[in-house]
Amino acid sequence: MAEKDLNENIGAKQDLNDQMIVRRGKMEEFRSLGLDPFGHRFQRTAYSTDITEHFEEMEGKSVAVTGRIMSVRGHGKVSFMEISDIKGTLQLFFKIDVLGEENFKQIKLLDIGDIIGVNGEVFRTQRGQISVRVERWEILSKSLRPLPEKFHGLTDTEIRYRQRYVDLIMNPEVKDVFIKRSKIISAIRHYLDSHGYMEVETPVLHTLAGGAAARPFITHHNTLDMEMYLRIALELHLKRLIVGGLEKVYEIGRVFRNEGIDIRHNPEFTLMELYEAFSDYEGMIELTEDLLKNVCLAVNGTTTVVCQGETIDFSHFERMTMVEAVKKYSGIDYYAYDTVAEMKKAIAEKGIDLEDNDTSTKGYLLNALFDVTVEKHLIQPTVIMDYPIEISPLAKKMDDPNFTYRFEGFVLGRELCNAFSELNDPIDQRERFERQMDLRKEGDEEANPLDEDYLTAMEYGLAPTGGIGIGIDRLVMLLTDSASIRDVLLFPTMKQRE
């Protein structure tokens, strides 16, 4: 039976159901033969690439392999199938002389999509194809729904994201992205563990949504009869641990922000946050540069990666202050103006549209200029340092009290990480929280709440500390040449179908 393209079948339920009826009939035939169409444990001895990449060692050996049938073709008394496993594909060769007539006939009960296990001998066909000559086979799981036709594939991105399981079956390059994602996270853990950092777990449900400027998801705890929030950051709980004497801690976990969805944003995403006592933002810059270089090297075998047509080199990071970057790309020198009005006039004379950004202070103006005129130029790894205090409520002040010891790392025109010399003065922190509360009263839903327990912890003494947060999904996008965050999330958030 010809396999139909899933994209065509979405609106053709009768046709799809016809195929499903046929498959269910085959399922019952297996049962009538005393064979379970949803089998049991199968002890595999080799993967596809063990055989295809090491044929000289494997030729003539008996192997046990498993996989999903991806294609079938027959020539009378022989049949060929291609199966797919986690590592690649492999050809199977079925011959009536080897299997016997009855067992060979049962092959007709198999469909594309079925999962089978086989035992046989590794050999090369007359046409030079590395294969396994099947001596015994068994059904492990009958596929009751047809896969998309291989020629057309699964191309509709909406369906791909909703039915990631089919996407992974049909598109090997998608599977490769998520295998690499796992390797990236493992490489980060290995680097941090080997440098003396301790991995910890902090609450996902918070009583206050703090640590970042973002709108939270709100839920209700019935027993305690209180509102709770899915965490928007990991920061404040991790810094409590620094107060407690755990000097080098990190966490890799999901955080949740009730915001828009686009190619760089998903309501839930993976964040790595790290804090180190007796360090500062210079220490965090050095750590970040070394971490990213080593992760890229561990995963890709080189410190360079091609993403969206650009060759990115993680062996070198350019460094600029925000003031220097804005001056370079917009021509506006923050220090040349004494007042907000003077700075706004200069911006207007250059015809720069600051869009909907806050422009109420010189610091906000600087940040708005950065967003509009600078970010898009930061293609190679770049560290932007020294951020206005207005947008850095948790970072330590510099000698110029208008700025903080904060940096962000940018690659390919997008923010990848955010780090501070952490504010450890509890009196200063209370004043900044109070300013944030004023902003909340004025309607800023993303302003930080005043966290009394965190202030209490700080009053016991928070050592000078460096901290950093790295967006894991954006890093995976860079290292896998993925254009959208949805391409690196196994199950991205989707609008519910009606």
Protein backbone atom coordinates (compact mmCIF):
# COMPACT_ATOMS: atom_id res chain seq x y z
CA MET A 1 0.00 0.00 0.00
CA ALA A 2 1.38 3.43 -0.94
CA GLU A 3 2.25 5.63 2.04
CA LYS A 4 0.61 9.06 1.91
CA ASP A 5 2.13 12.38 2.86
CA LEU A 6 0.94 13.25 6.35
CA ASN A 7 0.48 16.85 5.27
CA GLU A 8 -2.12 15.71 2.72
CA ASN A 9 -3.76 13.33 5.16
CA ILE A 10 -4.52 15.97 7.80
CA GLY A 11 -7.74 16.86 6.03
CA ALA A 12 -8.43 13.40 4.62
CA LYS A 13 -9.60 11.40 7.61
CA GLN A 14 -11.38 8.69 5.59
CA ASP A 15 -8.27 7.90 3.54
CA LEU A 16 -6.11 7.87 6.67
CA ASN A 17 -8.60 5.66 8.48
CA ASP A 18 -8.60 3.20 5.60
CA GLN A 19 -4.87 2.73 5.99
CA MET A 20 -5.20 2.42 9.72
CA ILE A 21 -7.86 -0.29 9.28
CA VAL A 22 -5.49 -2.29 7.06
CA ARG A 23 -2.72 -1.99 9.65
CA ARG A 24 -5.05 -3.10 12.42
CA GLY A 25 -5.93 -6.11 10.29
CA LYS A 26 -2.24 -7.02 10.06
CA MET A 27 -1.95 -6.57 13.81
CA GLU A 28 -4.71 -9.16 14.28
CA GLU A 29 -3.01 -11.52 11.81
CA PHE A 30 0.13 -11.41 13.94
CA ARG A 31 -1.98 -12.32 16.96
CA SER A 32 -3.65 -15.19 15.07
CA LEU A 33 -0.18 -16.58 14.44
CA GLY A 34 0.55 -16.47 18.16
CA LEU A 35 2.86 -13.45 17.78
CA ASP A 36 2.52 -10.37 19.98
CA PRO A 37 2.49 -7.29 17.67
CA PHE A 38 3.72 -5.21 20.60
CA GLY A 39 6.66 -7.34 21.61
CA HIS A 40 9.06 -7.63 24.45
CA ARG A 41 12.67 -6.96 25.37
CA PHE A 42 15.17 -7.43 22.57
CA GLN A 43 18.88 -7.62 23.35
CA ARG A 44 20.66 -5.49 20.74
CA THR A 45 24.39 -6.13 20.16
CA ALA A 46 25.12 -3.41 17.58
CA TYR A 47 23.87 -0.09 16.25
CA SER A 48 23.67 0.80 12.58
CA THR A 49 26.86 2.87 12.56
CA ASP A 50 28.79 0.15 14.43
CA ILE A 51 28.26 -1.93 11.32
CA THR A 52 28.48 0.63 8.50
CA GLU A 53 31.48 2.53 9.86
CA HIS A 54 33.44 -0.54 11.01
CA PHE A 55 32.49 -3.01 8.31
CA GLU A 56 35.98 -4.52 8.03
CA GLU A 57 35.79 -5.61 11.67
CA MET A 58 32.11 -6.60 11.54
CA GLU A 59 31.96 -8.52 8.25
CA GLY A 60 30.85 -12.12 8.78
CA LYS A 61 29.85 -11.56 12.39
CA SER A 62 26.42 -12.33 13.81
CA VAL A 63 24.64 -9.27 15.19
CA ALA A 64 21.32 -8.37 16.75
CA VAL A 65 19.95 -5.01 15.59
CA THR A 66 16.71 -3.11 16.09
CA GLY A 67 15.07 -0.20 14.35
CA ARG A 68 12.06 1.34 12.66
CA ILE A 69 11.31 0.26 9.10
CA MET A 70 11.74 3.27 6.78
CA SER A 71 11.50 1.60 3.37
CA VAL A 72 10.60 -1.78 1.87
CA ARG A 73 11.26 -3.28 -1.54
CA GLY A 74 10.94 -6.86 -2.70
CA HIS A 75 12.01 -9.04 -5.61
CA GLY A 76 10.15 -12.31 -5.39
CA LYS A 77 12.12 -14.52 -3.05
CA VAL A 78 14.16 -11.69 -1.52
CA SER A 79 13.18 -8.51 0.25
CA PHE A 80 15.14 -5.45 1.35
CA MET A 81 14.28 -3.11 4.20
CA GLU A 82 15.97 -0.03 5.55
CA ILE A 83 15.71 0.45 9.30
CA SER A 84 16.55 3.52 11.36
CA ASP A 85 17.95 3.59 14.89
CA ILE A 86 19.30 6.37 17.12
CA LYS A 87 22.61 6.46 15.24
CA GLY A 88 21.66 6.03 11.59
CA THR A 89 20.23 3.64 9.02
CA LEU A 90 20.99 0.07 7.98
CA GLN A 91 19.85 -2.23 5.19
CA LEU A 92 18.33 -5.62 6.01
CA PHE A 93 18.32 -8.49 3.51
CA PHE A 94 15.55 -11.10 3.79
CA LYS A 95 15.81 -14.29 1.71
CA ILE A 96 13.31 -17.11 1.55
CA ASP A 97 16.09 -19.75 1.47
CA VAL A 98 17.39 -18.48 4.82
CA LEU A 99 14.10 -17.78 6.60
CA GLY A 100 11.92 -20.53 5.26
CA GLU A 101 8.71 -20.06 3.30
CA GLU A 102 6.29 -19.47 6.19
CA ASN A 103 8.51 -17.00 8.00
CA PHE A 104 9.27 -15.17 4.78
CA LYS A 105 5.53 -14.83 4.00
CA GLN A 106 4.98 -13.11 7.33
CA ILE A 107 7.18 -10.23 6.17
CA LYS A 108 4.14 -9.02 4.23
CA LEU A 109 2.52 -8.19 7.57
CA LEU A 110 5.20 -5.54 8.16
CA ASP A 111 4.65 -1.91 7.25
CA ILE A 112 6.80 1.19 7.04
CA GLY A 113 6.95 2.53 10.58
CA ASP A 114 6.96 -0.86 12.32
CA ILE A 115 9.73 -1.48 14.84
CA ILE A 116 11.49 -4.83 14.49
CA GLY A 117 14.43 -6.74 15.91
CA VAL A 118 16.58 -9.03 13.75
CA ASN A 119 19.47 -11.44 14.15
CA GLY A 120 21.76 -12.07 11.23
CA GLU A 121 25.18 -11.90 9.60
CA VAL A 122 26.91 -8.75 8.40
CA PHE A 123 27.82 -8.86 4.71
CA ARG A 124 28.05 -6.73 1.59
CA THR A 125 25.59 -7.25 -1.28
CA GLN A 126 26.63 -7.69 -4.91
CA ARG A 127 25.88 -4.01 -5.41
CA GLY A 128 28.22 -3.12 -2.55
CA GLN A 129 25.59 -2.25 0.06
CA ILE A 130 26.56 -3.08 3.65
CA SER A 131 23.68 -5.15 5.05
CA VAL A 132 22.56 -7.73 7.57
CA ARG A 133 21.42 -11.08 6.15
CA VAL A 134 18.42 -11.78 8.37
CA GLU A 135 18.28 -15.23 9.96
CA ARG A 136 15.55 -14.41 12.47
CA TRP A 137 13.23 -11.46 12.98
CA GLU A 138 10.45 -10.42 15.33
CA ILE A 139 7.92 -7.64 15.52
CA LEU A 140 8.52 -5.31 18.49
CA SER A 141 5.86 -2.68 17.83
CA LYS A 142 3.25 -2.50 15.09
CA SER A 143 2.80 1.03 13.74
CA LEU A 144 -0.94 1.64 13.44
CA ARG A 145 -0.61 5.04 11.79
CA PRO A 146 1.25 5.59 8.49
CA LEU A 147 4.32 7.80 8.40
CA PRO A 148 4.62 10.64 5.90
CA GLU A 149 5.84 9.55 2.49
CA LYS A 150 9.63 9.63 2.64
CA PHE A 151 10.01 11.59 -0.60
CA HIS A 152 7.89 14.48 0.64
CA GLY A 153 8.87 14.22 4.29
CA LEU A 154 7.32 16.12 7.14
CA THR A 155 7.72 19.72 5.99
CA ASP A 156 4.90 21.69 7.61
CA THR A 157 6.60 23.43 10.57
CA GLU A 158 3.33 23.67 12.50
CA ILE A 159 2.90 19.90 12.34
CA ARG A 160 6.60 19.31 13.01
CA TYR A 161 6.48 21.24 16.28
CA ARG A 162 3.16 19.73 17.39
CA GLN A 163 4.16 16.18 16.44
CA ARG A 164 7.83 16.24 17.32
CA TYR A 165 7.82 12.45 17.57
CA VAL A 166 7.07 12.20 13.83
CA ASP A 167 9.56 14.98 13.08
CA LEU A 168 12.30 13.01 14.86
CA ILE A 169 11.41 9.85 12.91
CA MET A 170 11.36 11.51 9.49
CA ASN A 171 14.12 14.11 9.74
CA PRO A 172 17.50 12.76 10.95
CA GLU A 173 18.96 16.27 11.13
CA VAL A 174 16.37 17.15 13.78
CA LYS A 175 17.44 14.20 15.89
CA ASP A 176 21.04 15.38 15.50
CA VAL A 177 20.13 18.82 16.92
CA PHE A 178 18.71 17.32 20.09
CA ILE A 179 21.55 14.87 20.51
CA LYS A 180 23.90 17.85 20.27
CA ARG A 181 21.76 19.79 22.75
CA SER A 182 22.26 17.01 25.27
CA LYS A 183 26.01 17.08 24.62
CA ILE A 184 26.13 20.86 25.11
CA ILE A 185 24.45 20.64 28.51
CA SER A 186 26.70 17.74 29.50
CA ALA A 187 29.77 19.74 28.42
CA ILE A 188 28.66 22.70 30.56
CA ARG A 189 28.17 20.44 33.57
CA HIS A 190 31.53 18.76 33.02
CA TYR A 191 33.31 22.13 32.80
CA LEU A 192 31.66 23.54 35.92
CA ASP A 193 32.00 20.34 37.96
CA SER A 194 35.69 20.12 37.06
CA HIS A 195 36.18 23.74 38.18
CA GLY A 196 34.76 23.11 41.63
CA TYR A 197 31.18 24.33 41.19
CA MET A 198 28.39 22.44 42.93
CA GLU A 199 25.12 21.78 41.11
CA VAL A 200 22.05 22.51 43.24
CA GLU A 201 18.28 22.59 42.88
CA THR A 202 16.12 25.50 43.99
CA PRO A 203 12.32 25.87 44.06
CA VAL A 204 10.31 26.22 40.87
CA LEU A 205 7.32 27.58 42.79
CA HIS A 206 8.07 30.96 44.36
CA THR A 207 6.10 33.13 46.72
CA LEU A 208 7.56 36.20 44.97
CA ALA A 209 8.50 36.48 41.30
CA GLY A 210 11.93 38.08 41.61
CA GLY A 211 15.42 38.01 40.13
CA ALA A 212 14.54 39.39 36.70
CA ALA A 213 12.37 41.93 34.93
CA ALA A 214 9.58 39.71 33.60
CA ARG A 215 5.90 38.89 34.01
CA PRO A 216 5.32 35.61 35.84
CA PHE A 217 2.83 32.80 35.49
CA ILE A 218 0.57 32.80 38.54
CA THR A 219 -0.94 29.73 40.19
CA HIS A 220 -2.74 29.01 43.45
CA HIS A 221 -1.79 26.64 46.24
CA ASN A 222 -5.05 25.27 47.62
CA THR A 223 -3.87 24.02 51.01
CA LEU A 224 -2.00 27.20 51.87
CA ASP A 225 -4.63 29.34 50.11
CA MET A 226 -2.00 31.56 48.55
CA GLU A 227 -0.82 32.72 45.16
CA MET A 228 2.46 31.31 43.92
CA TYR A 229 4.57 32.02 40.88
CA LEU A 230 6.51 29.85 38.47
CA ARG A 231 10.07 31.11 38.77
CA ILE A 232 11.28 33.72 36.30
CA ALA A 233 14.92 33.38 37.40
CA LEU A 234 17.18 31.31 39.65
CA GLU A 235 19.16 34.19 41.11
CA LEU A 236 17.82 35.05 44.53
CA HIS A 237 17.69 31.50 45.88
CA LEU A 238 21.20 30.75 44.60
CA LYS A 239 22.58 33.87 46.28
CA ARG A 240 20.93 32.78 49.52
CA LEU A 241 23.15 29.69 49.24
CA ILE A 242 26.23 31.90 48.85
CA VAL A 243 25.20 33.59 52.12
CA GLY A 244 25.00 30.11 53.65
CA GLY A 245 28.60 29.36 52.69
CA LEU A 246 28.19 27.28 49.52
CA GLU A 247 30.80 29.32 47.71
CA LYS A 248 30.47 28.07 44.09
CA VAL A 249 27.00 26.96 42.99
CA TYR A 250 25.12 26.57 39.75
CA GLU A 251 21.76 25.37 38.52
CA ILE A 252 20.52 24.40 35.07
CA GLY A 253 16.74 24.48 34.99
CA ARG A 254 13.52 25.64 33.45
CA VAL A 255 12.29 29.17 34.07
CA PHE A 256 8.95 30.62 33.00
CA ARG A 257 8.04 34.08 31.70
CA ASN A 258 4.53 35.10 30.71
CA GLU A 259 5.61 36.99 27.64
CA GLY A 260 5.46 36.92 23.85
CA ILE A 261 6.54 34.08 21.57
CA ASP A 262 8.91 34.62 18.66
CA ILE A 263 12.00 33.02 17.12
CA ARG A 264 14.05 33.86 20.23
CA HIS A 265 11.46 33.57 23.00
CA ASN A 266 9.39 30.73 24.44
CA PRO A 267 7.34 31.02 27.67
CA GLU A 268 9.45 28.29 29.27
CA PHE A 269 13.14 27.99 28.58
CA THR A 270 16.35 26.61 30.08
CA LEU A 271 18.68 28.84 32.04
CA MET A 272 22.03 28.19 33.65
CA GLU A 273 22.86 30.48 36.56
CA LEU A 274 26.13 30.38 38.45
CA TYR A 275 27.41 32.27 41.51
CA GLU A 276 30.90 32.38 42.95
CA ALA A 277 31.85 33.99 46.26
CA PHE A 278 34.87 36.32 46.27
CA SER A 279 34.66 36.86 42.51
CA ASP A 280 33.29 39.76 40.46
CA TYR A 281 32.14 40.55 36.95
CA GLU A 282 35.74 40.44 35.64
CA GLY A 283 35.97 36.91 36.96
CA MET A 284 32.65 36.12 35.30
CA ILE A 285 33.87 37.52 31.97
CA GLU A 286 36.93 35.28 32.10
CA LEU A 287 34.84 32.26 33.09
CA THR A 288 32.25 32.90 30.38
CA GLU A 289 34.80 33.24 27.62
CA ASP A 290 36.60 30.05 28.69
CA LEU A 291 33.37 28.11 29.23
CA LEU A 292 31.90 28.95 25.82
CA LYS A 293 35.16 28.24 24.04
CA ASN A 294 35.52 24.86 25.74
CA VAL A 295 31.87 23.86 25.20
CA CYS A 296 32.13 24.69 21.49
CA LEU A 297 35.37 22.72 21.27
CA ALA A 298 33.90 19.73 23.15
CA VAL A 299 30.76 19.57 21.02
CA ASN A 300 32.00 20.62 17.56
CA GLY A 301 35.69 19.76 17.76
CA THR A 302 36.66 23.37 17.02
CA THR A 303 36.20 26.82 18.55
CA THR A 304 34.44 28.07 15.42
CA VAL A 305 30.91 27.39 14.27
CA VAL A 306 28.90 28.46 11.24
CA CYS A 307 25.49 29.89 12.17
CA GLN A 308 23.08 31.63 9.81
CA GLY A 309 25.83 32.09 7.24
CA GLU A 310 28.30 33.64 9.72
CA THR A 311 31.46 31.96 10.96
CA ILE A 312 31.53 32.61 14.71
CA ASP A 313 34.87 32.30 16.52
CA PHE A 314 34.58 31.61 20.24
CA SER A 315 38.35 31.83 20.75
CA HIS A 316 38.17 35.63 20.95
CA PHE A 317 35.72 38.05 22.59
CA GLU A 318 35.72 41.77 21.93
CA ARG A 319 35.08 43.98 24.98
CA MET A 320 33.37 47.38 25.05
CA THR A 321 31.50 49.40 27.61
CA MET A 322 27.91 50.25 26.75
CA VAL A 323 28.90 53.92 26.44
CA GLU A 324 31.70 53.03 24.00
CA ALA A 325 29.45 50.77 21.93
CA VAL A 326 26.69 53.38 21.65
CA LYS A 327 29.18 56.06 20.68
CA LYS A 328 30.72 53.76 18.04
CA TYR A 329 27.45 52.77 16.35
CA SER A 330 25.20 55.80 16.92
CA GLY A 331 27.61 58.69 17.26
CA ILE A 332 25.98 59.70 20.56
CA ASP A 333 28.43 60.22 23.44
CA TYR A 334 26.64 59.76 26.74
CA TYR A 335 29.16 61.94 28.58
CA ALA A 336 28.73 64.89 26.19
CA TYR A 337 25.31 65.79 27.61
CA ASP A 338 24.41 67.07 31.05
CA THR A 339 20.64 66.60 30.82
CA VAL A 340 18.08 64.23 29.37
CA ALA A 341 16.74 67.02 27.18
CA GLU A 342 20.16 67.72 25.62
CA MET A 343 20.70 64.04 24.89
CA LYS A 344 17.21 63.63 23.38
CA LYS A 345 17.84 66.64 21.13
CA ALA A 346 21.09 65.13 19.81
CA ILE A 347 19.34 61.81 19.17
CA ALA A 348 16.52 63.55 17.30
CA GLU A 349 19.01 65.50 15.16
CA LYS A 350 20.52 62.20 14.04
CA GLY A 351 17.06 60.90 13.12
CA ILE A 352 17.27 57.91 15.46
CA ASP A 353 13.88 56.40 16.36
CA LEU A 354 13.99 54.93 19.86
CA GLU A 355 10.63 53.23 19.28
CA ASP A 356 8.73 52.45 22.50
CA ASN A 357 11.74 52.32 24.83
CA ASP A 358 11.77 54.16 28.15
CA THR A 359 13.63 57.50 27.71
CA SER A 360 12.94 59.12 31.08
CA THR A 361 16.58 59.23 32.25
CA LYS A 362 20.01 59.35 30.61
CA GLY A 363 20.52 55.72 31.63
CA TYR A 364 17.30 54.62 29.95
CA LEU A 365 18.22 56.68 26.87
CA LEU A 366 21.60 54.94 26.70
CA ASN A 367 19.95 51.52 26.94
CA ALA A 368 17.40 52.46 24.26
CA LEU A 369 20.17 53.60 21.92
CA PHE A 370 21.98 50.33 22.54
CA ASP A 371 18.90 48.27 21.69
CA VAL A 372 18.18 50.20 18.49
CA THR A 373 21.64 50.97 17.11
CA VAL A 374 24.16 48.53 18.58
CA GLU A 375 22.85 44.97 19.14
CA LYS A 376 22.45 44.12 15.45
CA HIS A 377 26.16 44.80 14.85
CA LEU A 378 27.46 42.44 17.53
CA ILE A 379 27.99 39.38 15.33
CA GLN A 380 31.25 37.99 16.74
CA PRO A 381 31.38 37.21 20.48
CA THR A 382 31.30 40.54 22.31
CA VAL A 383 31.16 41.50 25.96
CA ILE A 384 29.29 44.75 26.67
CA MET A 385 30.15 46.08 30.13
CA ASP A 386 29.03 48.73 32.60
CA TYR A 387 25.25 49.04 32.44
CA PRO A 388 23.08 51.92 33.74
CA ILE A 389 21.87 51.47 37.30
CA GLU A 390 18.24 51.99 36.22
CA ILE A 391 18.20 48.61 34.43
CA SER A 392 20.45 46.75 36.89
CA PRO A 393 18.68 46.55 40.27
CA LEU A 394 20.76 43.60 41.51
CA ALA A 395 24.24 44.70 40.37
CA LYS A 396 26.92 46.49 42.40
CA LYS A 397 27.46 50.23 41.73
CA MET A 398 30.63 51.48 40.08
CA ASP A 399 32.57 54.54 41.23
CA ASP A 400 30.28 56.46 38.88
CA PRO A 401 27.00 55.72 40.70
CA ASN A 402 25.04 55.94 37.44
CA PHE A 403 26.57 52.65 36.30
CA THR A 404 26.96 49.11 37.61
CA TYR A 405 29.45 46.27 37.32
CA ARG A 406 27.32 44.36 34.86
CA PHE A 407 27.99 42.83 31.46
CA GLU A 408 26.09 40.97 28.79
CA GLY A 409 27.54 38.68 26.16
CA PHE A 410 26.32 39.00 22.57
CA VAL A 411 26.75 36.73 19.57
CA LEU A 412 25.08 37.05 16.18
CA GLY A 413 23.22 40.18 17.31
CA ARG A 414 21.50 38.50 20.23
CA GLU A 415 22.04 38.43 23.98
CA LEU A 416 23.50 35.15 25.18
CA CYS A 417 24.35 35.84 28.82
CA ASN A 418 23.97 38.39 31.61
CA ALA A 419 26.30 38.81 34.59
CA PHE A 420 27.10 41.11 37.53
CA SER A 421 29.34 41.88 40.36
CA GLU A 422 26.47 41.10 42.69
CA LEU A 423 25.13 43.85 44.91
CA ASN A 424 25.95 42.77 48.48
CA ASP A 425 25.04 45.94 50.38
CA PRO A 426 21.63 45.18 51.96
CA ILE A 427 20.82 48.86 52.54
CA ASP A 428 21.51 49.77 48.91
CA GLN A 429 19.55 46.67 47.82
CA ARG A 430 16.53 47.71 49.90
CA GLU A 431 16.59 51.20 48.35
CA ARG A 432 16.68 49.72 44.85
CA PHE A 433 13.86 47.30 45.64
CA GLU A 434 11.84 50.26 46.91
CA ARG A 435 12.46 52.11 43.64
CA GLN A 436 11.32 48.99 41.80
CA MET A 437 8.16 48.95 43.91
CA ASP A 438 7.47 52.55 42.90
CA LEU A 439 7.73 51.45 39.27
CA ARG A 440 5.25 48.64 39.95
CA LYS A 441 2.80 51.17 41.40
CA GLU A 442 3.20 53.18 38.21
CA GLY A 443 2.16 50.14 36.17
CA ASP A 444 5.45 48.37 35.38
CA GLU A 445 4.44 44.71 35.77
CA GLU A 446 8.04 43.55 35.20
CA ALA A 447 9.60 45.54 38.05
CA ASN A 448 11.17 43.46 40.83
CA PRO A 449 9.11 42.93 44.02
CA LEU A 450 10.60 43.68 47.42
CA ASP A 451 11.87 40.37 48.81
CA GLU A 452 12.16 40.73 52.58
CA ASP A 453 13.59 37.26 53.12
CA TYR A 454 16.34 37.90 50.58
CA LEU A 455 17.16 41.18 52.32
CA THR A 456 17.29 39.31 55.63
CA ALA A 457 19.77 36.86 54.12
CA MET A 458 21.90 39.74 52.83
CA GLU A 459 21.96 41.30 56.29
CA TYR A 460 23.71 38.16 57.57
CA GLY A 461 26.46 38.97 55.06
CA LEU A 462 26.72 38.19 51.33
CA ALA A 463 30.38 37.87 50.34
CA PRO A 464 31.56 39.81 47.27
CA THR A 465 30.16 37.61 44.52
CA GLY A 466 30.19 37.23 40.78
CA GLY A 467 27.15 35.76 39.06
CA ILE A 468 26.12 34.89 35.54
CA GLY A 469 23.10 33.57 33.66
CA ILE A 470 23.40 31.89 30.25
CA GLY A 471 20.43 31.11 28.03
CA ILE A 472 20.93 27.45 27.14
CA ASP A 473 18.43 27.48 24.28
CA ARG A 474 20.14 30.41 22.56
CA LEU A 475 23.53 28.74 22.98
CA VAL A 476 22.13 25.57 21.40
CA MET A 477 20.74 27.67 18.54
CA LEU A 478 24.22 29.05 17.90
CA LEU A 479 26.02 25.71 18.05
CA THR A 480 23.47 23.88 15.87
CA ASP A 481 22.83 26.65 13.29
CA SER A 482 19.15 26.85 14.22
CA ALA A 483 17.14 29.92 13.19
CA SER A 484 14.33 29.58 15.74
CA ILE A 485 14.19 28.64 19.41
CA ARG A 486 11.42 26.21 18.47
CA ASP A 487 13.99 24.20 16.53
CA VAL A 488 15.95 23.48 19.72
CA LEU A 489 13.01 22.79 22.06
CA LEU A 490 11.62 19.28 21.85
CA PHE A 491 8.13 20.50 22.70
CA PRO A 492 7.80 24.26 22.14
CA THR A 493 4.74 26.07 23.44
CA MET A 494 1.98 26.09 20.80
CA LYS A 495 -1.42 27.68 20.61
CA GLN A 496 -4.09 25.11 21.41
CA ARG A 497 -6.00 23.81 18.41
CA GLU A 498 -9.68 24.61 18.32
